[in-house]
């Protein structure tokens, strides 16, 4: 991991106002949701982290949709993601980001690397930047996204994986997921997943 003292040289940075680590920099972890399971990777206080399928990547994700060196996370007082010209791209929100462009990642909001949903969360801190509390008004567990968002990120990832495994055939993908085809079509629209071409 390449250490960096400041992220001021990176465009699109806005301080998050979280101080949990040495030098006033925040401490984050990356959660990866893959095939019904999840894993967590502690990110450095500052520097760059490669994400890819290669065993040499700091965050190795063993999935066919991930390129050997897929993306780069720049960690400092903000977190930025840069797609490294991967075959299946990186999406932040509904937007596929262009290769080699630093793009801010909203803390606590899932983004997609290849077909895998990932999320950056602060370690052991309260919700970030005015994040919404649950409707009940009860505080959520520190460092965790709301369960609804976590389930949605996992469901989106599973749908993308099923479509890829079935060559885009929605009927077969729905059967693999154990849901009606109509439900799958509704989820494609809800999660802004492009419908496979026939």
Protein backbone atom coordinates (compact mmCIF):
# COMPACT_ATOMS: atom_id res chain seq x y z
CA UNK A 1 0.00 0.00 0.00
CA UNK A 2 1.34 3.38 -0.97
CA UNK A 3 1.38 5.75 1.99
CA UNK A 4 0.32 9.34 1.43
CA UNK A 5 0.34 12.18 3.97
CA UNK A 6 -2.52 14.12 2.39
CA UNK A 7 -5.27 13.68 -0.14
CA UNK A 8 -5.31 17.36 -1.09
CA UNK A 9 -3.83 16.54 -4.50
CA UNK A 10 -6.87 14.41 -5.39
CA UNK A 11 -9.92 16.10 -6.95
CA UNK A 12 -13.36 15.85 -5.43
CA UNK A 13 -12.31 15.55 -1.80
CA UNK A 14 -14.44 16.81 1.05
CA UNK A 15 -13.44 16.22 4.67
CA UNK A 16 -15.79 13.87 6.51
CA UNK A 17 -15.19 15.25 9.99
CA UNK A 18 -14.36 11.84 11.49
CA UNK A 19 -11.26 11.58 13.64
CA UNK A 20 -10.50 8.07 14.81
CA UNK A 21 -6.88 7.41 13.82
CA UNK A 22 -3.35 8.76 14.03
CA UNK A 23 -2.79 12.18 12.46
CA UNK A 24 -6.50 13.00 12.46
CA UNK A 25 -7.27 10.63 9.58
CA UNK A 26 -10.33 8.37 9.73
CA UNK A 27 -10.14 4.60 9.88
CA UNK A 28 -12.33 2.64 7.47
CA UNK A 29 -13.03 -0.92 6.44
CA UNK A 30 -14.26 -2.23 3.09
CA UNK A 31 -17.13 -4.74 3.20
CA UNK A 32 -17.42 -7.06 0.19
CA UNK A 33 -20.74 -8.86 -0.50
CA UNK A 34 -20.13 -11.94 -2.61
CA UNK A 35 -22.28 -15.01 -3.34
CA UNK A 36 -24.30 -14.95 -0.13
CA UNK A 37 -21.33 -14.14 2.09
CA UNK A 38 -19.44 -11.04 3.10
CA UNK A 39 -15.91 -10.19 4.12
CA UNK A 40 -14.28 -7.13 5.67
CA UNK A 41 -10.90 -5.56 4.92
CA UNK A 42 -9.40 -2.87 7.16
CA UNK A 43 -8.16 0.06 5.08
CA UNK A 44 -5.01 2.05 5.93
CA UNK A 45 -5.19 5.48 7.59
CA UNK A 46 -3.94 6.96 4.32
CA UNK A 47 -2.71 5.68 0.98
CA UNK A 48 -3.88 3.62 -1.96
CA UNK A 49 -5.29 0.09 -2.00
CA UNK A 50 -5.68 -2.09 -5.09
CA UNK A 51 -8.85 -4.11 -5.54
CA UNK A 52 -8.80 -7.04 -7.95
CA UNK A 53 -8.94 -10.76 -8.62
CA UNK A 54 -5.14 -11.11 -8.52
CA UNK A 55 -3.65 -12.54 -5.32
CA UNK A 56 -1.26 -9.56 -5.36
CA UNK A 57 -4.16 -7.10 -4.84
CA UNK A 58 -4.47 -5.75 -1.29
CA UNK A 59 -8.21 -6.55 -1.47
CA UNK A 60 -8.54 -9.79 -3.44
CA UNK A 61 -12.07 -10.57 -4.68
CA UNK A 62 -12.29 -13.99 -6.30
CA UNK A 63 -15.11 -13.37 -8.78
CA UNK A 64 -15.16 -13.73 -12.58
CA UNK A 65 -16.56 -10.18 -13.00
CA UNK A 66 -13.47 -8.67 -11.33
CA UNK A 67 -10.35 -7.90 -13.37
CA UNK A 68 -6.92 -8.89 -12.04
CA UNK A 69 -6.27 -5.24 -11.12
CA UNK A 70 -9.75 -3.74 -11.21
CA UNK A 71 -9.81 -0.57 -9.11
CA UNK A 72 -7.79 1.61 -6.77
CA UNK A 73 -9.12 3.06 -3.51
CA UNK A 74 -7.49 6.29 -2.33
CA UNK A 75 -7.93 6.59 1.44
CA UNK A 76 -7.44 9.79 3.42
CA UNK A 77 -9.91 12.22 4.97
CA UNK A 78 -12.18 11.04 2.13
CA UNK A 79 -12.29 7.86 0.08
CA UNK A 80 -12.02 7.93 -3.71
CA UNK A 81 -12.29 5.06 -6.17
CA UNK A 82 -10.54 4.86 -9.53
CA UNK A 83 -11.35 2.20 -12.11
CA UNK A 84 -8.11 0.85 -13.62
CA UNK A 85 -9.57 0.19 -17.07
CA UNK A 86 -11.31 -3.00 -15.97
CA UNK A 87 -13.37 -5.08 -18.37
CA UNK A 88 -16.65 -4.88 -16.37
CA UNK A 89 -16.24 -1.40 -14.93
CA UNK A 90 -17.00 0.25 -11.60
CA UNK A 91 -20.29 1.96 -10.71
CA UNK A 92 -20.86 4.65 -8.11
CA UNK A 93 -24.58 5.16 -7.67
CA UNK A 94 -26.22 4.75 -11.08
CA UNK A 95 -23.11 5.95 -12.93
CA UNK A 96 -20.38 3.85 -14.51
CA UNK A 97 -17.23 5.83 -13.78
CA UNK A 98 -14.71 6.45 -16.57
CA UNK A 99 -11.34 4.68 -16.27
CA UNK A 100 -8.53 6.42 -14.37
CA UNK A 101 -10.76 9.15 -12.89
CA UNK A 102 -10.85 9.64 -9.11
CA UNK A 103 -14.49 9.51 -8.00
CA UNK A 104 -15.68 10.21 -4.44
CA UNK A 105 -17.32 7.30 -2.61
CA UNK A 106 -20.09 8.13 -0.17
CA UNK A 107 -19.37 6.44 3.15
CA UNK A 108 -22.03 3.89 4.04
CA UNK A 109 -23.46 3.72 0.52
CA UNK A 110 -22.80 0.63 -1.63
CA UNK A 111 -20.98 0.87 -4.95
CA UNK A 112 -20.29 -1.88 -7.47
CA UNK A 113 -16.94 -3.27 -8.63
CA UNK A 114 -17.55 -5.54 -11.62
CA UNK A 115 -20.72 -7.32 -10.43
CA UNK A 116 -19.80 -7.25 -6.72
CA UNK A 117 -21.33 -4.82 -4.23
CA UNK A 118 -18.90 -3.23 -1.79
CA UNK A 119 -19.25 -0.55 0.85
CA UNK A 120 -16.84 1.60 2.86
CA UNK A 121 -17.75 1.99 6.52
CA UNK A 122 -15.99 3.74 9.40
CA UNK A 123 -14.72 1.42 12.10
CA UNK A 124 -16.43 1.93 15.45
CA UNK A 125 -17.86 5.37 14.72
CA UNK A 126 -21.34 6.85 14.75
CA UNK A 127 -23.22 7.22 11.46
CA UNK A 128 -21.38 9.52 9.08
CA UNK A 129 -22.27 12.94 7.73
CA UNK A 130 -25.85 13.17 8.91
CA UNK A 131 -26.72 9.66 7.78
CA UNK A 132 -30.40 8.91 8.29
CA UNK A 133 -31.40 7.11 11.46
CA UNK A 134 -33.85 4.22 11.23
CA UNK A 135 -37.51 5.28 10.99
CA UNK A 136 -38.10 4.03 14.55
CA UNK A 137 -35.74 6.73 15.82
CA UNK A 138 -33.54 4.14 17.53
CA UNK A 139 -29.81 4.65 16.92
CA UNK A 140 -28.17 2.12 14.65
CA UNK A 141 -25.12 0.11 15.64
CA UNK A 142 -21.88 2.08 15.19
CA UNK A 143 -20.04 1.37 11.96
CA UNK A 144 -22.94 -0.54 10.37
CA UNK A 145 -25.18 0.38 7.48
CA UNK A 146 -28.95 -0.02 7.95
CA UNK A 147 -30.00 -3.65 7.50
CA UNK A 148 -32.34 -2.69 4.64
CA UNK A 149 -29.40 -1.20 2.67
CA UNK A 150 -27.13 -4.15 3.47
CA UNK A 151 -29.76 -6.62 2.24
CA UNK A 152 -30.38 -4.53 -0.90
CA UNK A 153 -26.65 -4.47 -1.72
CA UNK A 154 -26.44 -8.24 -1.30
CA UNK A 155 -29.60 -8.87 -3.34
CA UNK A 156 -28.35 -6.66 -6.19
CA UNK A 157 -25.03 -8.49 -6.26
CA UNK A 158 -26.75 -11.92 -6.30
CA UNK A 159 -29.02 -10.86 -9.19
CA UNK A 160 -26.04 -9.67 -11.25
CA UNK A 161 -24.19 -12.93 -10.53
CA UNK A 162 -27.21 -15.05 -11.52
CA UNK A 163 -27.71 -13.17 -14.78
CA UNK A 164 -24.03 -13.59 -15.62
CA UNK A 165 -24.17 -17.33 -14.83
CA UNK A 166 -27.27 -17.76 -17.04
CA UNK A 167 -25.94 -15.76 -19.98
CA UNK A 168 -28.53 -13.02 -19.40
CA UNK A 169 -31.53 -15.39 -19.51
CA UNK A 170 -33.94 -13.83 -17.03
CA UNK A 171 -36.16 -16.91 -16.67
CA UNK A 172 -33.20 -19.13 -15.76
CA UNK A 173 -31.72 -16.46 -13.47
CA UNK A 174 -35.04 -16.10 -11.63
CA UNK A 175 -35.20 -19.90 -11.18
CA UNK A 176 -31.62 -19.93 -9.87
CA UNK A 177 -32.50 -17.20 -7.36
CA UNK A 178 -35.75 -18.93 -6.36
CA UNK A 179 -37.96 -15.96 -7.25
CA UNK A 180 -40.66 -15.40 -9.89
CA UNK A 181 -39.43 -13.88 -13.18
CA UNK A 182 -41.77 -10.91 -12.64
CA UNK A 183 -40.07 -10.18 -9.30
CA UNK A 184 -36.69 -10.33 -11.01
CA UNK A 185 -37.82 -7.81 -13.65
CA UNK A 186 -39.06 -5.48 -10.88
CA UNK A 187 -35.71 -5.80 -9.05
CA UNK A 188 -33.79 -4.99 -12.26
CA UNK A 189 -35.65 -1.68 -12.44
CA UNK A 190 -35.40 -1.03 -8.69
CA UNK A 191 -31.64 -1.59 -8.58
CA UNK A 192 -31.00 0.09 -11.96
CA UNK A 193 -29.53 -3.11 -13.44
CA UNK A 194 -29.57 -2.99 -17.26
CA UNK A 195 -31.89 -5.67 -18.68
CA UNK A 196 -29.90 -8.18 -20.75
CA UNK A 197 -30.36 -7.92 -24.50
CA UNK A 198 -32.19 -10.74 -26.20
